[in-house]
Amino acid sequence: MLVLFTVHSSFGAQDASPSNASLKQRNVAIKVYGFGFGSGLQPGQNGKANGDGVQLVEESWTGSGFLVKNDGTLVTNYHVARRALRAQAVFDDGSAYQIPYIRVYDNFADIAVLKIRANKKFPYVSLGDSDKVEVRDAVLAVGNPLGMGINVTEGKISQIVRDDNGRRTSLRHTATIAPGNSGGSLYQGMQVVGVNVRGTPPYEFYEAVPINRVKPLLTEQYNKMIPLESAFPTNLEAILKKAKQVDAKNGEVPAATGNDPGVVSIPADFYPLEDIMVLLQAQKGQDLALIVTDAQNKPIGYGDARGIEIEAVLLPNDVNFKKVNINVLNYAQIPVKFGVSVNTITW
């Protein structure tokens, strides 16, 4: 059931906006069933982190989307579609359709174009010109916050963010969104001008990708039908083939002192929406381990490489830039040479 929350400032009488029926027909909640990375932190039999850095774990999550073609093509965020194996589009009336295909994605813009499987034609949204959006323009945010179903909030454009070349990269607005709204539509009048991507708690401003960044992905050259399980394989060998090295360092980690392992810490940067594989290589039989920590020194990945030559740790990254430390630990009583590489996984 569609719910309208009136927050911040509402539309004036002079501003046309879509009917509730129109919004319900063109906007969907998305349920996703996919996989994530255990990153070596899943509990083992002893209750401690198991150190299996390449373990995949089943996960499910929710998002939002909107129809852009009558064949069931819909737009959402890349971070909603990433690592999906099955997905479902759920309309406000409870009808649901499988989403077995991804057509294209742009992880830098955080956009994915998916395809519903259905033997019918769908009504779809009208796309506006996000280059004409101005600060203080009234907007509607439509989406599926917290998996509650289609909700609508009202607000205004508060800021237009541009890159160094003057291109619009983000529309900041005051129409409240929450987790689950990702991939939902941002309307100005009767047309969609943005794709909601995130909020910035506890501050009351929210961000959308300008729709003009999406339009090139809807052209005929991307009219593909790639099964989700092919786009996001769960086979480790296939994942390794998708890894591209972006940084590497060789060194020597000092010997352990008593019960304290020798440690070498290597700073690294993780960029938004990049899945990462950290590889540690050493001579077989050495007693090394790999621990990746965030800026607060909290472990986010662990690989137990004791007795083996190569250890990998798979790590996800969200919509934020992260500075991390890659820590190589040596439990042996002699110094050990090692090599570490950082690799991005291009799905």
Protein backbone atom coordinates (compact mmCIF):
# COMPACT_ATOMS: atom_id res chain seq x y z
CA MET A 1 0.00 0.00 0.00
CA LEU A 2 1.47 3.34 -1.04
CA VAL A 3 2.04 5.75 1.84
CA LEU A 4 2.61 9.48 1.43
CA PHE A 5 4.74 11.15 4.09
CA THR A 6 4.60 14.95 3.95
CA VAL A 7 7.89 16.30 5.26
CA HIS A 8 9.87 19.48 4.83
CA SER A 9 8.08 21.57 2.18
CA SER A 10 5.20 20.37 0.04
CA PHE A 11 4.34 20.97 -3.59
CA GLY A 12 2.43 24.10 -4.33
CA ALA A 13 -0.83 24.02 -6.24
CA GLN A 14 0.92 25.25 -9.37
CA ASP A 15 3.25 22.23 -9.46
CA ALA A 16 1.91 19.19 -11.30
CA SER A 17 2.92 15.87 -9.78
CA PRO A 18 2.14 12.24 -10.65
CA SER A 19 -1.01 10.63 -9.30
CA ASN A 20 -0.67 7.94 -6.67
CA ALA A 21 -1.90 5.40 -9.24
CA SER A 22 0.84 6.44 -11.66
CA LEU A 23 3.54 6.13 -9.00
CA LYS A 24 2.33 2.67 -7.97
CA GLN A 25 2.41 1.38 -11.54
CA ARG A 26 5.91 2.61 -12.38
CA ASN A 27 7.91 2.19 -9.17
CA VAL A 28 8.86 -1.09 -7.51
CA ALA A 29 10.36 -2.53 -4.37
CA ILE A 30 13.26 -4.87 -5.12
CA LYS A 31 14.04 -7.99 -3.09
CA VAL A 32 17.51 -9.39 -3.70
CA TYR A 33 19.02 -12.76 -2.82
CA GLY A 34 22.74 -12.93 -3.36
CA PHE A 35 26.07 -13.39 -1.68
CA GLY A 36 28.57 -11.46 0.37
CA PHE A 37 32.08 -12.08 1.62
CA GLY A 38 32.84 -13.73 4.93
CA SER A 39 36.27 -12.04 4.77
CA GLY A 40 37.68 -14.59 7.22
CA LEU A 41 35.60 -13.21 10.08
CA GLN A 42 32.92 -15.92 10.20
CA PRO A 43 33.06 -17.93 13.45
CA GLY A 44 34.79 -21.29 13.26
CA GLN A 45 34.23 -24.34 15.45
CA ASN A 46 36.11 -22.67 18.29
CA GLY A 47 33.89 -19.59 18.05
CA LYS A 48 36.74 -17.44 16.76
CA ALA A 49 37.20 -15.93 13.29
CA ASN A 50 37.91 -18.81 10.91
CA GLY A 51 40.50 -17.03 8.75
CA ASP A 52 38.89 -18.28 5.53
CA GLY A 53 39.33 -15.10 3.52
CA VAL A 54 37.56 -16.35 0.37
CA GLN A 55 34.41 -17.74 1.99
CA LEU A 56 31.15 -16.61 0.36
CA VAL A 57 28.03 -16.21 2.50
CA GLU A 58 24.36 -16.06 1.54
CA GLU A 59 22.76 -12.65 2.01
CA SER A 60 19.50 -10.90 1.18
CA TRP A 61 18.65 -7.22 1.01
CA THR A 62 16.11 -4.76 -0.36
CA GLY A 63 16.19 -1.78 -2.69
CA SER A 64 14.05 0.26 -5.04
CA GLY A 65 13.69 0.75 -8.77
CA PHE A 66 11.57 2.29 -11.50
CA LEU A 67 10.50 1.19 -14.97
CA VAL A 68 12.02 3.01 -17.94
CA LYS A 69 10.74 0.85 -20.84
CA ASN A 70 7.54 -1.09 -21.45
CA ASP A 71 9.46 -4.38 -21.73
CA GLY A 72 10.23 -4.36 -17.99
CA THR A 73 13.60 -2.62 -18.12
CA LEU A 74 14.18 -0.90 -14.80
CA VAL A 75 16.81 1.30 -13.20
CA THR A 76 18.24 0.90 -9.71
CA ASN A 77 21.57 1.44 -7.94
CA TYR A 78 24.58 -0.71 -8.70
CA HIS A 79 25.00 -1.39 -5.00
CA VAL A 80 21.49 -2.91 -4.99
CA ALA A 81 22.28 -5.25 -7.92
CA ARG A 82 25.89 -6.06 -7.03
CA ARG A 83 26.41 -9.76 -6.20
CA ALA A 84 22.74 -10.57 -6.82
CA LEU A 85 21.88 -14.14 -7.83
CA ARG A 86 18.10 -13.76 -7.79
CA ALA A 87 15.92 -10.68 -7.56
CA GLN A 88 12.25 -9.81 -7.55
CA ALA A 89 10.34 -6.64 -8.45
CA VAL A 90 7.32 -6.15 -6.20
CA PHE A 91 4.59 -3.67 -7.10
CA ASP A 92 2.38 -1.84 -4.63
CA ASP A 93 -0.55 -4.16 -5.39
CA GLY A 94 1.51 -7.17 -4.30
CA SER A 95 2.22 -8.51 -7.79
CA ALA A 96 5.79 -9.71 -8.16
CA TYR A 97 8.04 -10.54 -11.12
CA GLN A 98 11.41 -12.20 -11.32
CA ILE A 99 14.43 -10.11 -12.35
CA PRO A 100 16.80 -12.65 -13.92
CA TYR A 101 18.85 -10.27 -16.05
CA ILE A 102 21.20 -7.32 -15.80
CA ARG A 103 21.72 -5.25 -18.93
CA VAL A 104 24.51 -2.92 -17.90
CA TYR A 105 25.94 -1.16 -14.87
CA ASP A 106 28.11 1.82 -14.07
CA ASN A 107 29.72 1.32 -10.68
CA PHE A 108 31.22 4.83 -10.68
CA ALA A 109 27.78 6.41 -11.03
CA ASP A 110 26.22 3.63 -8.89
CA ILE A 111 23.65 2.73 -11.55
CA ALA A 112 22.42 -0.66 -12.78
CA VAL A 113 19.88 -1.43 -15.48
CA LEU A 114 17.93 -4.66 -14.90
CA LYS A 115 15.26 -6.57 -16.83
CA ILE A 116 12.03 -8.10 -15.48
CA ARG A 117 10.84 -11.42 -16.92
CA ALA A 118 7.16 -11.01 -17.84
CA ASN A 119 4.89 -11.66 -20.79
CA LYS A 120 3.30 -8.21 -20.66
CA LYS A 121 3.90 -4.54 -21.29
CA PHE A 122 4.46 -2.14 -18.40
CA PRO A 123 3.77 1.56 -18.00
CA TYR A 124 7.02 3.44 -17.43
CA VAL A 125 8.27 6.79 -16.18
CA SER A 126 9.07 9.87 -18.22
CA LEU A 127 12.70 10.95 -17.89
CA GLY A 128 13.40 14.65 -17.42
CA ASP A 129 16.50 16.78 -17.99
CA SER A 130 18.56 16.88 -14.80
CA ASP A 131 20.69 19.70 -16.25
CA LYS A 132 17.67 21.98 -15.88
CA VAL A 133 17.07 21.20 -12.20
CA GLU A 134 17.72 24.17 -9.92
CA VAL A 135 18.16 24.67 -6.19
CA ARG A 136 14.79 25.05 -4.40
CA ASP A 137 12.92 23.03 -7.05
CA ALA A 138 10.27 20.80 -5.45
CA VAL A 139 10.86 17.04 -5.71
CA LEU A 140 9.28 13.70 -4.76
CA ALA A 141 11.34 10.73 -3.59
CA VAL A 142 9.71 7.35 -4.27
CA GLY A 143 11.09 4.09 -2.93
CA ASN A 144 11.02 1.13 -0.57
CA PRO A 145 12.52 2.35 2.74
CA LEU A 146 13.41 -0.40 5.21
CA GLY A 147 11.61 -2.91 2.98
CA MET A 148 8.25 -1.39 3.92
CA GLY A 149 6.91 -1.09 0.37
CA ILE A 150 6.47 1.95 -1.84
CA ASN A 151 6.60 5.23 0.11
CA VAL A 152 6.64 8.83 -1.11
CA THR A 153 8.25 11.84 0.55
CA GLU A 154 8.43 15.48 -0.52
CA GLY A 155 11.23 18.03 -0.37
CA LYS A 156 13.34 20.43 -2.39
CA ILE A 157 16.66 20.45 -4.19
CA SER A 158 19.17 21.89 -1.72
CA GLN A 159 22.44 21.68 -3.68
CA ILE A 160 23.76 20.65 -7.08
CA VAL A 161 27.18 18.98 -6.89
CA ARG A 162 29.51 19.24 -9.89
CA ASP A 163 32.85 17.67 -10.77
CA ASP A 164 35.95 19.60 -11.87
CA ASN A 165 34.60 19.76 -15.42
CA GLY A 166 31.33 21.29 -14.32
CA ARG A 167 29.32 18.11 -14.91
CA ARG A 168 26.52 17.49 -12.45
CA THR A 169 27.36 14.42 -10.35
CA SER A 170 24.79 14.62 -7.55
CA LEU A 171 21.47 16.26 -6.71
CA ARG A 172 21.19 16.91 -2.99
CA HIS A 173 17.66 17.26 -1.69
CA THR A 174 15.51 17.24 1.45
CA ALA A 175 12.96 14.53 0.57
CA THR A 176 13.62 11.96 3.30
CA ILE A 177 15.00 8.59 2.23
CA ALA A 178 16.22 5.61 4.26
CA PRO A 179 18.02 2.31 3.64
CA GLY A 180 15.95 0.47 1.04
CA ASN A 181 15.27 3.67 -0.92
CA SER A 182 18.47 3.04 -2.89
CA GLY A 183 17.68 2.97 -6.60
CA GLY A 184 14.35 4.75 -6.22
CA SER A 185 13.15 7.63 -8.36
CA LEU A 186 13.40 11.36 -7.70
CA TYR A 187 10.62 13.24 -9.48
CA GLN A 188 10.48 16.89 -10.44
CA GLY A 189 6.91 17.46 -11.50
CA MET A 190 5.81 14.63 -13.79
CA GLN A 191 9.32 13.48 -14.73
CA VAL A 192 12.13 11.55 -13.06
CA VAL A 193 15.29 13.65 -12.75
CA GLY A 194 17.38 11.49 -10.43
CA VAL A 195 18.06 8.08 -8.88
CA ASN A 196 18.19 8.17 -5.09
CA VAL A 197 21.40 6.69 -3.77
CA ARG A 198 21.97 7.53 -0.10
CA GLY A 199 21.37 9.76 2.87
CA THR A 200 23.88 11.33 5.22
CA PRO A 201 22.72 10.60 8.78
CA PRO A 202 22.18 12.34 11.09
CA TYR A 203 22.00 15.28 8.69
CA GLU A 204 18.79 15.79 6.75
CA PHE A 205 20.10 15.90 3.22
CA TYR A 206 19.99 13.12 0.69
CA GLU A 207 21.64 12.41 -2.64
CA ALA A 208 20.48 11.32 -6.09
CA VAL A 209 22.37 10.53 -9.29
CA PRO A 210 21.26 12.94 -12.05
CA ILE A 211 19.13 11.10 -14.60
CA ASN A 212 21.26 12.45 -17.47
CA ARG A 213 24.05 10.16 -16.24
CA VAL A 214 21.67 7.21 -16.66
CA LYS A 215 20.34 7.93 -20.15
CA PRO A 216 23.44 6.69 -22.07
CA LEU A 217 23.00 3.29 -20.39
CA LEU A 218 19.51 2.96 -21.88
CA THR A 219 20.66 3.08 -25.49
CA GLU A 220 20.50 0.14 -27.90
CA GLN A 221 24.17 -0.78 -27.49
CA TYR A 222 23.40 -1.97 -23.94
CA ASN A 223 20.29 -3.92 -24.93
CA LYS A 224 21.78 -7.13 -23.50
CA MET A 225 20.34 -9.93 -21.38
CA ILE A 226 23.07 -11.11 -19.01
CA PRO A 227 21.88 -13.62 -16.36
CA LEU A 228 22.64 -12.43 -12.85
CA GLU A 229 24.49 -15.63 -12.01
CA SER A 230 26.79 -15.02 -14.99
CA ALA A 231 27.41 -11.38 -14.09
CA PHE A 232 28.16 -12.26 -10.45
CA PRO A 233 29.64 -15.79 -10.37
CA THR A 234 30.09 -17.62 -7.08
CA ASN A 235 32.87 -19.83 -8.40
CA LEU A 236 36.16 -18.76 -6.81
CA GLU A 237 38.15 -19.42 -9.97
CA ALA A 238 35.81 -17.16 -11.95
CA ILE A 239 36.09 -14.45 -9.29
CA LEU A 240 39.90 -14.63 -9.41
CA LYS A 241 39.78 -14.11 -13.18
CA LYS A 242 37.86 -10.88 -12.63
CA ALA A 243 40.51 -9.48 -10.27
CA LYS A 244 42.79 -6.72 -11.54
CA GLN A 245 45.91 -5.69 -9.61
CA VAL A 246 46.00 -2.01 -8.65
CA ASP A 247 48.83 -1.99 -6.09
CA ALA A 248 51.58 -4.29 -4.82
CA LYS A 249 54.34 -4.29 -2.24
CA ASN A 250 57.15 -6.70 -1.36
CA GLY A 251 58.86 -6.67 1.98
CA GLU A 252 60.10 -8.55 4.99
CA VAL A 253 58.18 -8.94 8.20
CA PRO A 254 60.30 -9.16 11.37
CA ALA A 255 60.46 -12.26 13.53
CA ALA A 256 58.02 -12.86 16.36
CA THR A 257 59.09 -11.78 19.83
CA GLY A 258 57.85 -14.20 22.45
CA ASN A 259 54.10 -14.54 21.96
CA ASP A 260 53.88 -11.35 19.91
CA PRO A 261 54.05 -11.76 16.13
CA GLY A 262 56.18 -9.51 13.99
CA VAL A 263 54.04 -7.02 12.07
CA VAL A 264 54.31 -4.92 8.93
CA SER A 265 51.45 -2.48 8.24
CA ILE A 266 50.75 -1.25 4.72
CA PRO A 267 48.28 1.62 4.19
CA ALA A 268 45.80 1.28 1.31
CA ASP A 269 42.78 3.08 -0.10
CA PHE A 270 39.48 1.37 -0.91
CA TYR A 271 37.33 3.30 -3.33
CA PRO A 272 33.51 3.35 -3.25
CA LEU A 273 31.65 0.29 -4.55
CA GLU A 274 34.80 -1.64 -5.41
CA ASP A 275 34.99 -5.24 -4.26
CA ILE A 276 38.58 -5.95 -3.25
CA MET A 277 40.82 -8.99 -3.09
CA VAL A 278 44.00 -8.72 -1.02
CA LEU A 279 46.59 -11.41 -1.84
CA LEU A 280 49.45 -12.43 0.44
CA GLN A 281 52.27 -14.55 -0.95
CA ALA A 282 55.16 -16.11 0.97
CA GLN A 283 57.36 -19.17 0.87
CA LYS A 284 55.40 -22.32 1.69
CA GLY A 285 55.68 -23.44 5.28
CA GLN A 286 56.00 -19.96 6.79
CA ASP A 287 53.72 -18.83 9.61
CA LEU A 288 52.06 -15.66 8.29
CA ALA A 289 48.61 -14.18 8.64
CA LEU A 290 46.87 -11.23 7.03
CA ILE A 291 44.60 -8.83 8.92
CA VAL A 292 42.96 -5.83 7.22
CA THR A 293 41.80 -3.09 9.58
CA ASP A 294 39.77 0.08 9.05
CA ALA A 295 40.58 3.62 10.17
CA GLN A 296 39.39 2.76 13.70
CA ASN A 297 41.73 -0.26 13.76
CA LYS A 298 38.76 -2.64 13.60
CA PRO A 299 39.42 -5.88 11.68
CA ILE A 300 37.44 -6.07 8.43
CA GLY A 301 39.27 -9.05 6.94
CA TYR A 302 41.43 -11.94 8.13
CA GLY A 303 43.34 -14.61 6.25
CA ASP A 304 45.28 -17.35 8.03
CA ALA A 305 48.23 -18.12 5.75
CA ARG A 306 50.18 -20.29 8.18
CA GLY A 307 51.72 -23.18 6.30
CA ILE A 308 50.53 -22.14 2.82
CA GLU A 309 52.01 -20.08 -0.01
CA ILE A 310 49.08 -17.86 -0.96
CA GLU A 311 46.21 -16.44 1.07
CA ALA A 312 43.44 -14.25 -0.33
CA VAL A 313 40.91 -12.10 1.50
CA LEU A 314 37.79 -10.87 -0.31
CA LEU A 315 36.44 -7.57 0.98
CA PRO A 316 33.37 -5.53 0.01
CA ASN A 317 33.24 -1.75 0.04
CA ASP A 318 30.13 0.38 0.35
CA VAL A 319 29.41 3.83 -1.07
CA ASN A 320 32.15 5.45 1.03
CA PHE A 321 35.88 5.91 0.47
CA LYS A 322 37.93 4.01 3.07
CA LYS A 323 41.49 4.19 4.31
CA VAL A 324 42.65 0.82 5.60
CA ASN A 325 45.77 -0.91 6.85
CA ILE A 326 46.92 -4.27 5.52
CA ASN A 327 48.78 -5.96 8.37
CA VAL A 328 51.10 -8.90 7.70
CA LEU A 329 51.77 -10.93 10.86
CA ASN A 330 54.71 -13.31 11.30
CA TYR A 331 54.48 -15.99 14.00
CA ALA A 332 57.87 -17.52 13.16
CA GLN A 333 61.08 -16.83 15.07
CA ILE A 334 62.84 -15.67 11.89
CA PRO A 335 62.12 -12.77 9.50
CA VAL A 336 60.03 -13.76 6.46
CA LYS A 337 59.85 -12.19 3.02
CA PHE A 338 56.38 -11.60 1.58
CA GLY A 339 54.45 -9.98 -1.25
CA VAL A 340 51.07 -8.27 -0.95
CA SER A 341 48.84 -7.11 -3.78
CA VAL A 342 45.54 -5.21 -3.81
CA ASN A 343 43.16 -6.20 -6.59
CA THR A 344 39.78 -4.82 -7.63
CA ILE A 345 37.11 -7.26 -8.78
CA THR A 346 35.45 -6.05 -11.96
CA TRP A 347 32.18 -7.94 -12.20
